[in-house]
C-alpha atoms as a PDB file:
ATOM      1  CA  UNK A   1       2.878  -6.393 -16.677  1.00  0.00           C
ATOM      2  CA  UNK A   2       1.234  -7.299 -13.366  1.00  0.00           C
ATOM      3  CA  UNK A   3       3.061  -8.494 -10.305  1.00  0.00           C
ATOM      4  CA  UNK A   4       1.615  -9.789  -7.036  1.00  0.00           C
ATOM      5  CA  UNK A   5       3.522  -8.406  -4.067  1.00  0.00           C
ATOM      6  CA  UNK A   6       1.132  -8.846  -1.134  1.00  0.00           C
ATOM      7  CA  UNK A   7      -1.564 -11.280  -0.071  1.00  0.00           C
ATOM      8  CA  UNK A   8      -4.054 -11.466   2.776  1.00  0.00           C
ATOM      9  CA  UNK A   9      -7.103 -13.471   3.797  1.00  0.00           C
ATOM     10  CA  UNK A  10     -10.455 -11.882   4.596  1.00  0.00           C
ATOM     11  CA  UNK A  11     -12.506 -13.129   7.563  1.00  0.00           C
ATOM     12  CA  UNK A  12     -14.339 -15.391   5.057  1.00  0.00           C
ATOM     13  CA  UNK A  13     -11.072 -16.908   3.765  1.00  0.00           C
ATOM     14  CA  UNK A  14     -11.277 -15.008   0.506  1.00  0.00           C
ATOM     15  CA  UNK A  15      -7.885 -14.149  -0.969  1.00  0.00           C
ATOM     16  CA  UNK A  16      -6.790 -10.563  -1.589  1.00  0.00           C
ATOM     17  CA  UNK A  17      -3.768 -10.289  -3.885  1.00  0.00           C
ATOM     18  CA  UNK A  18      -2.195  -6.866  -4.376  1.00  0.00           C
ATOM     19  CA  UNK A  19       0.627  -5.414  -6.399  1.00  0.00           C
ATOM     20  CA  UNK A  20       1.258  -3.003  -9.210  1.00  0.00           C
ATOM     21  CA  UNK A  21       0.819  -2.754 -12.944  1.00  0.00           C
ATOM     22  CA  UNK A  22       4.040  -1.373 -14.387  1.00  0.00           C
ATOM     23  CA  UNK A  23       2.332  -0.417 -17.653  1.00  0.00           C
ATOM     24  CA  UNK A  24      -0.409   1.736 -16.083  1.00  0.00           C
ATOM     25  CA  UNK A  25       1.555   2.952 -13.018  1.00  0.00           C
ATOM     26  CA  UNK A  26      -1.188   1.912 -10.553  1.00  0.00           C
ATOM     27  CA  UNK A  27      -1.780  -0.282  -7.495  1.00  0.00           C
ATOM     28  CA  UNK A  28      -4.214  -3.137  -7.934  1.00  0.00           C
ATOM     29  CA  UNK A  29      -6.108  -5.569  -5.732  1.00  0.00           C
ATOM     30  CA  UNK A  30      -7.710  -8.786  -6.906  1.00  0.00           C
ATOM     31  CA  UNK A  31     -10.212 -10.754  -4.826  1.00  0.00           C
ATOM     32  CA  UNK A  32     -10.542 -14.512  -5.170  1.00  0.00           C
ATOM     33  CA  UNK A  33     -13.093 -16.711  -3.489  1.00  0.00           C
ATOM     34  CA  UNK A  34     -11.811 -19.444  -1.172  1.00  0.00           C
ATOM     35  CA  UNK A  35     -11.845 -21.873  -4.124  1.00  0.00           C
ATOM     36  CA  UNK A  36      -9.584 -19.553  -6.176  1.00  0.00           C
ATOM     37  CA  UNK A  37     -12.261 -18.237  -8.537  1.00  0.00           C
ATOM     38  CA  UNK A  38     -12.217 -14.461  -9.134  1.00  0.00           C
ATOM     39  CA  UNK A  39     -14.921 -12.716  -7.104  1.00  0.00           C
ATOM     40  CA  UNK A  40     -16.574 -10.631  -9.856  1.00  0.00           C
ATOM     41  CA  UNK A  41     -18.569  -8.578  -7.291  1.00  0.00           C
ATOM     42  CA  UNK A  42     -15.323  -6.975  -6.040  1.00  0.00           C
ATOM     43  CA  UNK A  43     -14.292  -3.724  -7.741  1.00  0.00           C
ATOM     44  CA  UNK A  44     -14.763  -3.994 -11.491  1.00  0.00           C
ATOM     45  CA  UNK A  45     -15.064  -7.686 -12.393  1.00  0.00           C
ATOM     46  CA  UNK A  46     -12.874  -8.705  -9.439  1.00  0.00           C
ATOM     47  CA  UNK A  47     -10.170  -6.055  -9.865  1.00  0.00           C
ATOM     48  CA  UNK A  48      -9.705  -2.784  -7.941  1.00  0.00           C
ATOM     49  CA  UNK A  49      -7.321   0.010  -8.980  1.00  0.00           C
ATOM     50  CA  UNK A  50      -5.780   2.788  -6.865  1.00  0.00           C
ATOM     51  CA  UNK A  51      -3.719   5.776  -7.979  1.00  0.00           C
ATOM     52  CA  UNK A  52      -3.457   9.524  -7.711  1.00  0.00           C
ATOM     53  CA  UNK A  53      -4.133  11.617 -10.817  1.00  0.00           C
ATOM     54  CA  UNK A  54      -0.443  12.514 -11.243  1.00  0.00           C
ATOM     55  CA  UNK A  55       1.476  10.317 -13.677  1.00  0.00           C
ATOM     56  CA  UNK A  56       3.692   8.502 -11.182  1.00  0.00           C
ATOM     57  CA  UNK A  57       4.977   4.954 -10.988  1.00  0.00           C
ATOM     58  CA  UNK A  58       3.255   3.186  -8.093  1.00  0.00           C
ATOM     59  CA  UNK A  59       4.877   0.088  -6.600  1.00  0.00           C
ATOM     60  CA  UNK A  60       2.503  -1.904  -4.379  1.00  0.00           C
ATOM     61  CA  UNK A  61       4.398  -4.007  -1.850  1.00  0.00           C
ATOM     62  CA  UNK A  62       2.036  -5.348   0.791  1.00  0.00           C
ATOM     63  CA  UNK A  63      -1.538  -5.460   2.002  1.00  0.00           C
ATOM     64  CA  UNK A  64      -3.641  -6.101   5.071  1.00  0.00           C
ATOM     65  CA  UNK A  65      -7.274  -6.226   6.105  1.00  0.00           C
ATOM     66  CA  UNK A  66      -8.822  -3.906   8.714  1.00  0.00           C
ATOM     67  CA  UNK A  67     -11.422  -5.148  11.211  1.00  0.00           C
ATOM     68  CA  UNK A  68     -14.233  -3.665   9.070  1.00  0.00           C
ATOM     69  CA  UNK A  69     -12.994  -5.565   5.991  1.00  0.00           C
ATOM     70  CA  UNK A  70     -11.379  -2.579   4.247  1.00  0.00           C
ATOM     71  CA  UNK A  71      -8.124  -3.355   2.467  1.00  0.00           C
ATOM     72  CA  UNK A  72      -4.893  -1.411   3.037  1.00  0.00           C
ATOM     73  CA  UNK A  73      -2.112  -1.452   0.430  1.00  0.00           C
ATOM     74  CA  UNK A  74       1.332  -0.010   1.128  1.00  0.00           C
ATOM     75  CA  UNK A  75       4.147   0.756  -1.246  1.00  0.00           C
ATOM     76  CA  UNK A  76       5.853   3.738  -2.778  1.00  0.00           C
ATOM     77  CA  UNK A  77       5.870   5.906  -5.841  1.00  0.00           C
ATOM     78  CA  UNK A  78       8.741   7.060  -7.985  1.00  0.00           C
ATOM     79  CA  UNK A  79       8.653  10.414  -9.692  1.00  0.00           C
ATOM     80  CA  UNK A  80      11.295  11.527 -12.143  1.00  0.00           C
ATOM     81  CA  UNK A  81      14.271   9.616 -10.751  1.00  0.00           C
ATOM     82  CA  UNK A  82      14.742   6.532  -8.595  1.00  0.00           C
ATOM     83  CA  UNK A  83      16.006   8.826  -5.824  1.00  0.00           C
ATOM     84  CA  UNK A  84      12.688  10.705  -5.637  1.00  0.00           C
ATOM     85  CA  UNK A  85      10.420   8.179  -3.926  1.00  0.00           C
ATOM     86  CA  UNK A  86       7.895   8.396  -1.139  1.00  0.00           C
ATOM     87  CA  UNK A  87       5.693   6.003   0.767  1.00  0.00           C
ATOM     88  CA  UNK A  88       2.052   5.704  -0.215  1.00  0.00           C
ATOM     89  CA  UNK A  89      -0.776   3.928   1.555  1.00  0.00           C
ATOM     90  CA  UNK A  90      -4.041   3.143  -0.172  1.00  0.00           C
ATOM     91  CA  UNK A  91      -7.318   1.952   1.252  1.00  0.00           C
ATOM     92  CA  UNK A  92     -10.110   0.149  -0.553  1.00  0.00           C
ATOM     93  CA  UNK A  93     -13.575  -0.543   0.765  1.00  0.00           C
ATOM     94  CA  UNK A  94     -14.360  -4.201   1.363  1.00  0.00           C
ATOM     95  CA  UNK A  95     -16.213  -4.249  -1.977  1.00  0.00           C
ATOM     96  CA  UNK A  96     -13.155  -3.021  -3.897  1.00  0.00           C
ATOM     97  CA  UNK A  97     -13.545   0.696  -4.464  1.00  0.00           C
ATOM     98  CA  UNK A  98     -11.231   3.531  -3.366  1.00  0.00           C
ATOM     99  CA  UNK A  99     -12.155   4.507   0.202  1.00  0.00           C
ATOM    100  CA  UNK A 100     -12.914   8.213  -0.141  1.00  0.00           C
ATOM    101  CA  UNK A 101     -13.277   8.539   3.657  1.00  0.00           C
ATOM    102  CA  UNK A 102      -9.510   7.854   3.767  1.00  0.00           C
ATOM    103  CA  UNK A 103      -8.721  10.495   1.136  1.00  0.00           C
ATOM    104  CA  UNK A 104     -10.249  11.890  -2.042  1.00  0.00           C
ATOM    105  CA  UNK A 105      -8.730   9.096  -4.164  1.00  0.00           C
ATOM    106  CA  UNK A 106      -8.332   6.450  -1.442  1.00  0.00           C
ATOM    107  CA  UNK A 107      -4.559   6.886  -1.348  1.00  0.00           C
ATOM    108  CA  UNK A 108      -2.258   9.086   0.761  1.00  0.00           C
ATOM    109  CA  UNK A 109       1.388  10.027   0.613  1.00  0.00           C
ATOM    110  CA  UNK A 110       3.430   9.484   3.787  1.00  0.00           C
ATOM    111  CA  UNK A 111       6.289  11.911   3.357  1.00  0.00           C
ATOM    112  CA  UNK A 112       9.780  10.960   4.456  1.00  0.00           C
ATOM    113  CA  UNK A 113      12.557  13.538   4.706  1.00  0.00           C
ATOM    114  CA  UNK A 114      14.230  14.229   1.346  1.00  0.00           C
ATOM    115  CA  UNK A 115      11.569  12.199  -0.534  1.00  0.00           C
ATOM    116  CA  UNK A 116      13.559   8.980  -0.296  1.00  0.00           C
ATOM    117  CA  UNK A 117      11.209   6.566   1.518  1.00  0.00           C
ATOM    118  CA  UNK A 118      10.239   3.128   0.246  1.00  0.00           C
ATOM    119  CA  UNK A 119       7.742   0.841   1.993  1.00  0.00           C
ATOM    120  CA  UNK A 120       8.534  -2.842   1.622  1.00  0.00           C
ATOM    121  CA  UNK A 121       6.400  -4.480   4.311  1.00  0.00           C
ATOM    122  CA  UNK A 122       3.353  -3.768   6.457  1.00  0.00           C
ATOM    123  CA  UNK A 123       1.439  -5.158   9.425  1.00  0.00           C
ATOM    124  CA  UNK A 124      -1.948  -4.216  10.860  1.00  0.00           C
ATOM    125  CA  UNK A 125      -2.408  -4.756  14.599  1.00  0.00           C
ATOM    126  CA  UNK A 126      -5.574  -5.778  16.481  1.00  0.00           C
ATOM    127  CA  UNK A 127      -6.472  -2.069  16.935  1.00  0.00           C
ATOM    128  CA  UNK A 128      -6.216  -1.382  13.169  1.00  0.00           C
ATOM    129  CA  UNK A 129      -2.977   0.582  13.545  1.00  0.00           C
ATOM    130  CA  UNK A 130      -0.751   0.225  10.511  1.00  0.00           C
ATOM    131  CA  UNK A 131       2.985  -0.430  10.863  1.00  0.00           C
ATOM    132  CA  UNK A 132       5.003   0.178   7.709  1.00  0.00           C
ATOM    133  CA  UNK A 133       8.574  -1.036   7.323  1.00  0.00           C
ATOM    134  CA  UNK A 134      11.018  -0.059   4.662  1.00  0.00           C
ATOM    135  CA  UNK A 135      14.056   2.009   3.877  1.00  0.00           C
ATOM    136  CA  UNK A 136      15.042   5.639   3.658  1.00  0.00           C
ATOM    137  CA  UNK A 137      17.972   6.332   1.333  1.00  0.00           C
ATOM    138  CA  UNK A 138      19.470   9.578   2.543  1.00  0.00           C
ATOM    139  CA  UNK A 139      23.068   8.927   3.515  1.00  0.00           C
ATOM    140  CA  UNK A 140      24.942   9.055   0.216  1.00  0.00           C
ATOM    141  CA  UNK A 141      23.208   6.022  -1.253  1.00  0.00           C
ATOM    142  CA  UNK A 142      23.031   4.057   1.996  1.00  0.00           C
ATOM    143  CA  UNK A 143      19.619   2.778   3.072  1.00  0.00           C
ATOM    144  CA  UNK A 144      18.440   3.522   6.598  1.00  0.00           C
ATOM    145  CA  UNK A 145      16.066   1.354   8.578  1.00  0.00           C
ATOM    146  CA  UNK A 146      12.552   2.840   8.584  1.00  0.00           C
ATOM    147  CA  UNK A 147       9.354   2.124  10.564  1.00  0.00           C
ATOM    148  CA  UNK A 148       6.258   4.306  10.509  1.00  0.00           C
ATOM    149  CA  UNK A 149       3.078   3.752  12.517  1.00  0.00           C
ATOM    150  CA  UNK A 150      -0.231   5.138  11.259  1.00  0.00           C
ATOM    151  CA  UNK A 151      -3.740   5.222  12.661  1.00  0.00           C
ATOM    152  CA  UNK A 152      -6.284   3.465  10.423  1.00  0.00           C
ATOM    153  CA  UNK A 153      -7.246   6.987   9.308  1.00  0.00           C
ATOM    154  CA  UNK A 154      -3.748   7.424   7.833  1.00  0.00           C
ATOM    155  CA  UNK A 155      -2.576   9.881  10.489  1.00  0.00           C
ATOM    156  CA  UNK A 156       1.083   9.303  11.387  1.00  0.00           C
ATOM    157  CA  UNK A 157       1.641   8.560  15.084  1.00  0.00           C
ATOM    158  CA  UNK A 158       5.281   7.396  15.180  1.00  0.00           C
ATOM    159  CA  UNK A 159       8.337   7.556  12.973  1.00  0.00           C
ATOM    160  CA  UNK A 160      11.338   5.379  13.803  1.00  0.00           C
ATOM    161  CA  UNK A 161      14.586   5.541  11.908  1.00  0.00           C
ATOM    162  CA  UNK A 162      18.041   4.145  12.547  1.00  0.00           C
ATOM    163  CA  UNK A 163      21.259   4.510  10.630  1.00  0.00           C
ATOM    164  CA  UNK A 164      22.388   1.708   8.350  1.00  0.00           C
ATOM    165  CA  UNK A 165      24.369  -1.129   9.920  1.00  0.00           C
END
């Protein structure tokens, strides 16, 4: 079962569609040419996969394109229970392979206190800084507002959180 959660355009108006495959527990990215035909030179026959070796459920929520054409996917993973989630950010090279300069597998965990973070949206600014928005469920089932800013390298620079309202 595949589901598209995020979309972005490359500088050449190609379409990047990202999401997750619930059956394999992995993020995916698909690249389509401007005319909607799958770009078979991207990844493996047009499809790129990202995951860590651990058997976790990855939920891909959004994507963006860096200035160099690399693709960033944000989302979260669930491990064991729905209350044990954390934000993950993956990066693919422009040709659809895990970016091992980002991390060994092209994906990093962005830890939130109590392992309760979920990324639901993402923006990339003109300086390639990544802004992730989502929720942090830590107050007895109540979701808190959550924003995290990362460098394009994945290093966290800011963490903003506010109580539910």
